[in-house]
Amino acid sequence: MKEFLLGLVKALLLTTEVVVVTFGVWVYVRGSNSIEVPAAWGITIWQFIQERWDAYKAVDVGMSVLPEYLHFNLLSGRMVTVNGC
């Protein structure tokens, strides 16, 4: 019985490892292919993600230099002004 359970655990771990590696390879290959949208200009998904990340960082820097911005306070349930970052 002990050997059967050990073999079952090994089979489960091997199956899990194969599934994880297969998914990782699929994500890598899919991300390296061109996006099939006419407006994407033939860029890959990784280039698109990098472009969006750079845009996010630029907006984040822009928000941090604002003197104040609105923030929703969950405790009071209303918008409050937060000074600086």
PDB file of N, CA and C in Angstrom:
ATOM      1  N   MET A   1       0.820  -1.199   0.000  1.00  0.00           N
ATOM      2  CA  MET A   1       0.000   0.000   0.000  1.00  0.00           C
ATOM      3  C   MET A   1       0.859   1.256   0.000  1.00  0.00           C
ATOM      4  N   LYS A   2       1.966   1.223   0.785  1.00  0.00           N
ATOM      5  CA  LYS A   2       2.847   2.373   0.878  1.00  0.00           C
ATOM      6  C   LYS A   2       3.509   2.647  -0.474  1.00  0.00           C
ATOM      7  N   GLU A   3       3.918   1.597  -1.167  1.00  0.00           N
ATOM      8  CA  GLU A   3       4.547   1.759  -2.483  1.00  0.00           C
ATOM      9  C   GLU A   3       3.553   2.295  -3.507  1.00  0.00           C
ATOM     10  N   PHE A   4       2.303   1.869  -3.408  1.00  0.00           N
ATOM     11  CA  PHE A   4       1.262   2.352  -4.311  1.00  0.00           C
ATOM     12  C   PHE A   4       1.040   3.855  -4.126  1.00  0.00           C
ATOM     13  N   LEU A   5       0.949   4.289  -2.862  1.00  0.00           N
ATOM     14  CA  LEU A   5       0.748   5.717  -2.587  1.00  0.00           C
ATOM     15  C   LEU A   5       1.957   6.530  -3.028  1.00  0.00           C
ATOM     16  N   LEU A   6       3.160   5.993  -2.811  1.00  0.00           N
ATOM     17  CA  LEU A   6       4.365   6.686  -3.246  1.00  0.00           C
ATOM     18  C   LEU A   6       4.383   6.823  -4.773  1.00  0.00           C
ATOM     19  N   GLY A   7       4.000   5.768  -5.470  1.00  0.00           N
ATOM     20  CA  GLY A   7       3.918   5.836  -6.932  1.00  0.00           C
ATOM     21  C   GLY A   7       2.857   6.810  -7.393  1.00  0.00           C
ATOM     22  N   LEU A   8       1.741   6.878  -6.681  1.00  0.00           N
ATOM     23  CA  LEU A   8       0.670   7.817  -7.019  1.00  0.00           C
ATOM     24  C   LEU A   8       1.137   9.263  -6.832  1.00  0.00           C
ATOM     25  N   VAL A   9       1.847   9.534  -5.740  1.00  0.00           N
ATOM     26  CA  VAL A   9       2.371  10.880  -5.482  1.00  0.00           C
ATOM     27  C   VAL A   9       3.390  11.262  -6.550  1.00  0.00           C
ATOM     28  N   LYS A  10       4.268  10.329  -6.914  1.00  0.00           N
ATOM     29  CA  LYS A  10       5.255  10.597  -7.962  1.00  0.00           C
ATOM     30  C   LYS A  10       4.578  10.916  -9.289  1.00  0.00           C
ATOM     31  N   ALA A  11       3.550  10.132  -9.629  1.00  0.00           N
ATOM     32  CA  ALA A  11       2.822  10.369 -10.879  1.00  0.00           C
ATOM     33  C   ALA A  11       2.128  11.725 -10.856  1.00  0.00           C
ATOM     34  N   LEU A  12       1.552  12.093  -9.724  1.00  0.00           N
ATOM     35  CA  LEU A  12       0.889  13.386  -9.594  1.00  0.00           C
ATOM     36  C   LEU A  12       1.877  14.540  -9.724  1.00  0.00           C
ATOM     37  N   LEU A  13       3.029  14.404  -9.074  1.00  0.00           N
ATOM     38  CA  LEU A  13       4.052  15.444  -9.165  1.00  0.00           C
ATOM     39  C   LEU A  13       4.604  15.576 -10.581  1.00  0.00           C
ATOM     40  N   LEU A  14       4.833  14.445 -11.246  1.00  0.00           N
ATOM     41  CA  LEU A  14       5.323  14.468 -12.614  1.00  0.00           C
ATOM     42  C   LEU A  14       4.297  15.105 -13.552  1.00  0.00           C
ATOM     43  N   THR A  15       3.031  14.770 -13.384  1.00  0.00           N
ATOM     44  CA  THR A  15       1.976  15.363 -14.204  1.00  0.00           C
ATOM     45  C   THR A  15       1.888  16.869 -13.970  1.00  0.00           C
ATOM     46  N   THR A  16       1.974  17.282 -12.719  1.00  0.00           N
ATOM     47  CA  THR A  16       1.939  18.707 -12.392  1.00  0.00           C
ATOM     48  C   THR A  16       3.117  19.439 -13.021  1.00  0.00           C
ATOM     49  N   GLU A  17       4.294  18.844 -12.942  1.00  0.00           N
ATOM     50  CA  GLU A  17       5.480  19.463 -13.530  1.00  0.00           C
ATOM     51  C   GLU A  17       5.344  19.588 -15.051  1.00  0.00           C
ATOM     52  N   VAL A  18       4.843  18.557 -15.698  1.00  0.00           N
ATOM     53  CA  VAL A  18       4.662  18.591 -17.152  1.00  0.00           C
ATOM     54  C   VAL A  18       3.657  19.681 -17.537  1.00  0.00           C
ATOM     55  N   VAL A  19       2.578  19.802 -16.786  1.00  0.00           N
ATOM     56  CA  VAL A  19       1.568  20.824 -17.067  1.00  0.00           C
ATOM     57  C   VAL A  19       2.151  22.219 -16.894  1.00  0.00           C
ATOM     58  N   VAL A  20       2.908  22.451 -15.835  1.00  0.00           N
ATOM     59  CA  VAL A  20       3.497  23.773 -15.577  1.00  0.00           C
ATOM     60  C   VAL A  20       4.511  24.135 -16.663  1.00  0.00           C
ATOM     61  N   VAL A  21       5.380  23.204 -17.025  1.00  0.00           N
ATOM     62  CA  VAL A  21       6.382  23.467 -18.061  1.00  0.00           C
ATOM     63  C   VAL A  21       5.704  23.702 -19.406  1.00  0.00           C
ATOM     64  N   THR A  22       4.696  22.918 -19.727  1.00  0.00           N
ATOM     65  CA  THR A  22       3.971  23.093 -20.988  1.00  0.00           C
ATOM     66  C   THR A  22       3.303  24.458 -21.044  1.00  0.00           C
ATOM     67  N   PHE A  23       2.683  24.871 -19.954  1.00  0.00           N
ATOM     68  CA  PHE A  23       2.052  26.190 -19.911  1.00  0.00           C
ATOM     69  C   PHE A  23       3.092  27.298 -20.062  1.00  0.00           C
ATOM     70  N   GLY A  24       4.232  27.161 -19.406  1.00  0.00           N
ATOM     71  CA  GLY A  24       5.295  28.164 -19.528  1.00  0.00           C
ATOM     72  C   GLY A  24       5.811  28.282 -20.952  1.00  0.00           C
ATOM     73  N   VAL A  25       6.000  27.155 -21.617  1.00  0.00           N
ATOM     74  CA  VAL A  25       6.446  27.175 -23.014  1.00  0.00           C
ATOM     75  C   VAL A  25       5.382  27.800 -23.898  1.00  0.00           C
ATOM     76  N   TRP A  26       4.116  27.487 -23.651  1.00  0.00           N
ATOM     77  CA  TRP A  26       3.028  28.070 -24.447  1.00  0.00           C
ATOM     78  C   TRP A  26       2.994  29.591 -24.285  1.00  0.00           C
ATOM     79  N   VAL A  27       3.146  30.080 -23.051  1.00  0.00           N
ATOM     80  CA  VAL A  27       3.137  31.529 -22.810  1.00  0.00           C
ATOM     81  C   VAL A  27       4.315  32.183 -23.526  1.00  0.00           C
ATOM     82  N   TYR A  28       5.490  31.556 -23.465  1.00  0.00           N
ATOM     83  CA  TYR A  28       6.666  32.120 -24.128  1.00  0.00           C
ATOM     84  C   TYR A  28       6.473  32.166 -25.639  1.00  0.00           C
ATOM     85  N   VAL A  29       6.016  31.069 -26.230  1.00  0.00           N
ATOM     86  CA  VAL A  29       5.839  31.014 -27.686  1.00  0.00           C
ATOM     87  C   VAL A  29       4.735  31.964 -28.125  1.00  0.00           C
ATOM     88  N   ARG A  30       3.621  31.970 -27.405  1.00  0.00           N
ATOM     89  CA  ARG A  30       2.503  32.853 -27.764  1.00  0.00           C
ATOM     90  C   ARG A  30       2.913  34.316 -27.623  1.00  0.00           C
ATOM     91  N   GLY A  31       3.690  34.635 -26.616  1.00  0.00           N
ATOM     92  CA  GLY A  31       4.134  36.010 -26.427  1.00  0.00           C
ATOM     93  C   GLY A  31       5.144  36.457 -27.454  1.00  0.00           C
ATOM     94  N   SER A  32       5.840  35.519 -28.079  1.00  0.00           N
ATOM     95  CA  SER A  32       6.842  35.868 -29.081  1.00  0.00           C
ATOM     96  C   SER A  32       6.239  36.034 -30.477  1.00  0.00           C
ATOM     97  N   ASN A  33       5.011  35.572 -30.682  1.00  0.00           N
ATOM     98  CA  ASN A  33       4.349  35.736 -31.972  1.00  0.00           C
ATOM     99  C   ASN A  33       3.766  37.133 -32.103  1.00  0.00           C
ATOM    100  N   SER A  34       3.582  37.577 -33.333  1.00  0.00           N
ATOM    101  CA  SER A  34       2.986  38.887 -33.572  1.00  0.00           C
ATOM    102  C   SER A  34       1.517  38.885 -33.186  1.00  0.00           C
ATOM    103  N   ILE A  35       1.067  40.043 -32.736  1.00  0.00           N
ATOM    104  CA  ILE A  35      -0.346  40.211 -32.421  1.00  0.00           C
ATOM    105  C   ILE A  35      -1.107  40.290 -33.738  1.00  0.00           C
ATOM    106  N   GLU A  36      -2.227  39.595 -33.828  1.00  0.00           N
ATOM    107  CA  GLU A  36      -2.976  39.525 -35.076  1.00  0.00           C
ATOM    108  C   GLU A  36      -4.074  40.581 -35.148  1.00  0.00           C
ATOM    109  N   VAL A  37      -3.779  41.772 -34.685  1.00  0.00           N
ATOM    110  CA  VAL A  37      -4.717  42.890 -34.749  1.00  0.00           C
ATOM    111  C   VAL A  37      -4.115  43.923 -35.687  1.00  0.00           C
ATOM    112  N   PRO A  38      -4.889  44.423 -36.674  1.00  0.00           N
ATOM    113  CA  PRO A  38      -4.321  45.372 -37.635  1.00  0.00           C
ATOM    114  C   PRO A  38      -3.713  46.617 -36.989  1.00  0.00           C
ATOM    115  N   ALA A  39      -4.285  47.086 -35.899  1.00  0.00           N
ATOM    116  CA  ALA A  39      -3.778  48.301 -35.259  1.00  0.00           C
ATOM    117  C   ALA A  39      -2.512  48.053 -34.436  1.00  0.00           C
ATOM    118  N   ALA A  40      -2.096  46.804 -34.277  1.00  0.00           N
ATOM    119  CA  ALA A  40      -0.937  46.490 -33.440  1.00  0.00           C
ATOM    120  C   ALA A  40       0.377  46.612 -34.198  1.00  0.00           C
ATOM    121  N   TRP A  41       0.345  46.819 -35.498  1.00  0.00           N
ATOM    122  CA  TRP A  41       1.535  47.028 -36.332  1.00  0.00           C
ATOM    123  C   TRP A  41       2.524  45.870 -36.265  1.00  0.00           C
ATOM    124  N   GLY A  42       2.067  44.661 -36.004  1.00  0.00           N
ATOM    125  CA  GLY A  42       2.944  43.491 -36.024  1.00  0.00           C
ATOM    126  C   GLY A  42       3.881  43.348 -34.849  1.00  0.00           C
ATOM    127  N   ILE A  43       3.610  44.033 -33.743  1.00  0.00           N
ATOM    128  CA  ILE A  43       4.473  43.888 -32.573  1.00  0.00           C
ATOM    129  C   ILE A  43       4.111  42.606 -31.825  1.00  0.00           C
ATOM    130  N   THR A  44       5.037  42.128 -31.012  1.00  0.00           N
ATOM    131  CA  THR A  44       4.765  40.934 -30.209  1.00  0.00           C
ATOM    132  C   THR A  44       4.055  41.339 -28.923  1.00  0.00           C
ATOM    133  N   ILE A  45       3.531  40.337 -28.243  1.00  0.00           N
ATOM    134  CA  ILE A  45       2.837  40.613 -26.981  1.00  0.00           C
ATOM    135  C   ILE A  45       3.812  41.164 -25.948  1.00  0.00           C
ATOM    136  N   TRP A  46       5.057  40.643 -25.945  1.00  0.00           N
ATOM    137  CA  TRP A  46       6.049  41.142 -24.981  1.00  0.00           C
ATOM    138  C   TRP A  46       6.382  42.603 -25.240  1.00  0.00           C
ATOM    139  N   GLN A  47       6.468  43.015 -26.521  1.00  0.00           N
ATOM    140  CA  GLN A  47       6.709  44.424 -26.839  1.00  0.00           C
ATOM    141  C   GLN A  47       5.527  45.280 -26.405  1.00  0.00           C
ATOM    142  N   PHE A  48       4.315  44.758 -26.603  1.00  0.00           N
ATOM    143  CA  PHE A  48       3.118  45.479 -26.181  1.00  0.00           C
ATOM    144  C   PHE A  48       3.099  45.663 -24.670  1.00  0.00           C
ATOM    145  N   ILE A  49       3.421  44.588 -23.931  1.00  0.00           N
ATOM    146  CA  ILE A  49       3.449  44.685 -22.468  1.00  0.00           C
ATOM    147  C   ILE A  49       4.512  45.684 -22.021  1.00  0.00           C
ATOM    148  N   GLN A  50       5.686  45.676 -22.657  1.00  0.00           N
ATOM    149  CA  GLN A  50       6.742  46.622 -22.298  1.00  0.00           C
ATOM    150  C   GLN A  50       6.309  48.064 -22.569  1.00  0.00           C
ATOM    151  N   GLU A  51       5.634  48.275 -23.699  1.00  0.00           N
ATOM    152  CA  GLU A  51       5.146  49.619 -24.032  1.00  0.00           C
ATOM    153  C   GLU A  51       4.114  50.095 -23.014  1.00  0.00           C
ATOM    154  N   ARG A  52       3.194  49.227 -22.637  1.00  0.00           N
ATOM    155  CA  ARG A  52       2.167  49.590 -21.651  1.00  0.00           C
ATOM    156  C   ARG A  52       2.804  49.837 -20.286  1.00  0.00           C
ATOM    157  N   TRP A  53       3.821  49.056 -19.926  1.00  0.00           N
ATOM    158  CA  TRP A  53       4.494  49.240 -18.640  1.00  0.00           C
ATOM    159  C   TRP A  53       5.219  50.579 -18.610  1.00  0.00           C
ATOM    160  N   ASP A  54       5.891  50.944 -19.714  1.00  0.00           N
ATOM    161  CA  ASP A  54       6.559  52.245 -19.779  1.00  0.00           C
ATOM    162  C   ASP A  54       5.547  53.382 -19.680  1.00  0.00           C
ATOM    163  N   ALA A  55       4.390  53.223 -20.337  1.00  0.00           N
ATOM    164  CA  ALA A  55       3.349  54.247 -20.254  1.00  0.00           C
ATOM    165  C   ALA A  55       2.815  54.358 -18.831  1.00  0.00           C
ATOM    166  N   TYR A  56       2.665  53.230 -18.158  1.00  0.00           N
ATOM    167  CA  TYR A  56       2.197  53.240 -16.771  1.00  0.00           C
ATOM    168  C   TYR A  56       3.194  53.971 -15.873  1.00  0.00           C
ATOM    169  N   LYS A  57       4.482  53.702 -16.058  1.00  0.00           N
ATOM    170  CA  LYS A  57       5.488  54.373 -15.238  1.00  0.00           C
ATOM    171  C   LYS A  57       5.492  55.863 -15.494  1.00  0.00           C
ATOM    172  N   ALA A  58       5.281  56.278 -16.761  1.00  0.00           N
ATOM    173  CA  ALA A  58       5.246  57.705 -17.076  1.00  0.00           C
ATOM    174  C   ALA A  58       4.050  58.378 -16.401  1.00  0.00           C
ATOM    175  N   VAL A  59       2.907  57.722 -16.390  1.00  0.00           N
ATOM    176  CA  VAL A  59       1.726  58.274 -15.726  1.00  0.00           C
ATOM    177  C   VAL A  59       1.935  58.292 -14.226  1.00  0.00           C
ATOM    178  N   ASP A  60       2.550  57.250 -13.679  1.00  0.00           N
ATOM    179  CA  ASP A  60       2.795  57.192 -12.252  1.00  0.00           C
ATOM    180  C   ASP A  60       3.703  58.335 -11.809  1.00  0.00           C
ATOM    181  N   VAL A  61       4.732  58.633 -12.593  1.00  0.00           N
ATOM    182  CA  VAL A  61       5.619  59.751 -12.282  1.00  0.00           C
ATOM    183  C   VAL A  61       4.848  61.052 -12.379  1.00  0.00           C
ATOM    184  N   GLY A  62       3.990  61.158 -13.382  1.00  0.00           N
ATOM    185  CA  GLY A  62       3.182  62.368 -13.531  1.00  0.00           C
ATOM    186  C   GLY A  62       2.237  62.572 -12.364  1.00  0.00           C
ATOM    187  N   MET A  63       1.672  61.494 -11.835  1.00  0.00           N
ATOM    188  CA  MET A  63       0.767  61.621 -10.692  1.00  0.00           C
ATOM    189  C   MET A  63       1.522  62.009  -9.430  1.00  0.00           C
ATOM    190  N   SER A  64       2.748  61.539  -9.289  1.00  0.00           N
ATOM    191  CA  SER A  64       3.474  61.804  -8.049  1.00  0.00           C
ATOM    192  C   SER A  64       3.939  63.251  -7.949  1.00  0.00           C
ATOM    193  N   VAL A  65       4.000  63.988  -9.069  1.00  0.00           N
ATOM    194  CA  VAL A  65       4.434  65.379  -8.997  1.00  0.00           C
ATOM    195  C   VAL A  65       3.260  66.330  -8.842  1.00  0.00           C
ATOM    196  N   LEU A  66       2.029  65.820  -8.911  1.00  0.00           N
ATOM    197  CA  LEU A  66       0.877  66.678  -8.693  1.00  0.00           C
ATOM    198  C   LEU A  66       0.809  67.083  -7.232  1.00  0.00           C
ATOM    199  N   PRO A  67       0.389  68.308  -6.948  1.00  0.00           N
ATOM    200  CA  PRO A  67       0.346  68.742  -5.552  1.00  0.00           C
ATOM    201  C   PRO A  67      -0.712  68.006  -4.723  1.00  0.00           C
ATOM    202  N   GLU A  68      -1.809  67.647  -5.346  1.00  0.00           N
ATOM    203  CA  GLU A  68      -2.842  66.914  -4.618  1.00  0.00           C
ATOM    204  C   GLU A  68      -3.719  66.159  -5.616  1.00  0.00           C
ATOM    205  N   TYR A  69      -4.381  65.133  -5.145  1.00  0.00           N
ATOM    206  CA  TYR A  69      -5.286  64.377  -5.995  1.00  0.00           C
ATOM    207  C   TYR A  69      -6.385  63.789  -5.124  1.00  0.00           C
ATOM    208  N   LEU A  70      -7.464  63.367  -5.768  1.00  0.00           N
ATOM    209  CA  LEU A  70      -8.598  62.827  -5.043  1.00  0.00           C
ATOM    210  C   LEU A  70      -8.373  61.359  -4.729  1.00  0.00           C
ATOM    211  N   HIS A  71      -8.856  60.961  -3.588  1.00  0.00           N
ATOM    212  CA  HIS A  71      -8.717  59.580  -3.126  1.00  0.00           C
ATOM    213  C   HIS A  71     -10.029  59.175  -2.470  1.00  0.00           C
ATOM    214  N   PHE A  72     -10.502  57.964  -2.767  1.00  0.00           N
ATOM    215  CA  PHE A  72     -11.739  57.482  -2.145  1.00  0.00           C
ATOM    216  C   PHE A  72     -11.417  56.864  -0.796  1.00  0.00           C
ATOM    217  N   ASN A  73     -11.982  57.424   0.256  1.00  0.00           N
ATOM    218  CA  ASN A  73     -11.770  56.921   1.602  1.00  0.00           C
ATOM    219  C   ASN A  73     -12.842  55.883   1.913  1.00  0.00           C
ATOM    220  N   LEU A  74     -12.431  54.628   2.119  1.00  0.00           N
ATOM    221  CA  LEU A  74     -13.388  53.555   2.373  1.00  0.00           C
ATOM    222  C   LEU A  74     -14.108  53.716   3.706  1.00  0.00           C
ATOM    223  N   LEU A  75     -13.427  54.272   4.699  1.00  0.00           N
ATOM    224  CA  LEU A  75     -14.041  54.396   6.021  1.00  0.00           C
ATOM    225  C   LEU A  75     -15.153  55.425   6.037  1.00  0.00           C
ATOM    226  N   SER A  76     -14.917  56.568   5.386  1.00  0.00           N
ATOM    227  CA  SER A  76     -15.960  57.592   5.376  1.00  0.00           C
ATOM    228  C   SER A  76     -16.896  57.436   4.186  1.00  0.00           C
ATOM    229  N   GLY A  77     -16.462  56.728   3.147  1.00  0.00           N
ATOM    230  CA  GLY A  77     -17.298  56.535   1.970  1.00  0.00           C
ATOM    231  C   GLY A  77     -17.401  57.749   1.086  1.00  0.00           C
ATOM    232  N   ARG A  78     -16.405  58.623   1.130  1.00  0.00           N
ATOM    233  CA  ARG A  78     -16.445  59.824   0.293  1.00  0.00           C
ATOM    234  C   ARG A  78     -15.053  60.128  -0.245  1.00  0.00           C
ATOM    235  N   MET A  79     -15.011  61.019  -1.220  1.00  0.00           N
ATOM    236  CA  MET A  79     -13.751  61.418  -1.816  1.00  0.00           C
ATOM    237  C   MET A  79     -13.065  62.444  -0.917  1.00  0.00           C
ATOM    238  N   VAL A  80     -11.783  62.290  -0.713  1.00  0.00           N
ATOM    239  CA  VAL A  80     -11.009  63.238   0.073  1.00  0.00           C
ATOM    240  C   VAL A  80      -9.783  63.652  -0.732  1.00  0.00           C
ATOM    241  N   THR A  81      -9.244  64.802  -0.431  1.00  0.00           N
ATOM    242  CA  THR A  81      -8.052  65.300  -1.104  1.00  0.00           C
ATOM    243  C   THR A  81      -6.823  64.865  -0.317  1.00  0.00           C
ATOM    244  N   VAL A  82      -5.864  64.285  -1.038  1.00  0.00           N
ATOM    245  CA  VAL A  82      -4.614  63.852  -0.413  1.00  0.00           C
ATOM    246  C   VAL A  82      -3.509  64.754  -0.948  1.00  0.00           C
ATOM    247  N   ASN A  83      -2.754  65.355  -0.067  1.00  0.00           N
ATOM    248  CA  ASN A  83      -1.667  66.227  -0.482  1.00  0.00           C
ATOM    249  C   ASN A  83      -0.391  65.441  -0.662  1.00  0.00           C
ATOM    250  N   GLY A  84       0.266  65.625  -1.802  1.00  0.00           N
ATOM    251  CA  GLY A  84       1.556  64.983  -2.062  1.00  0.00           C
ATOM    252  C   GLY A  84       1.454  63.474  -2.158  1.00  0.00           C
ATOM    253  N   CYS A  85       2.603  62.857  -2.384  1.00  0.00           N
ATOM    254  CA  CYS A  85       2.658  61.404  -2.451  1.00  0.00           C
ATOM    255  C   CYS A  85       3.761  60.903  -1.561  1.00  0.00           C
TER     256      CYS A  85
END
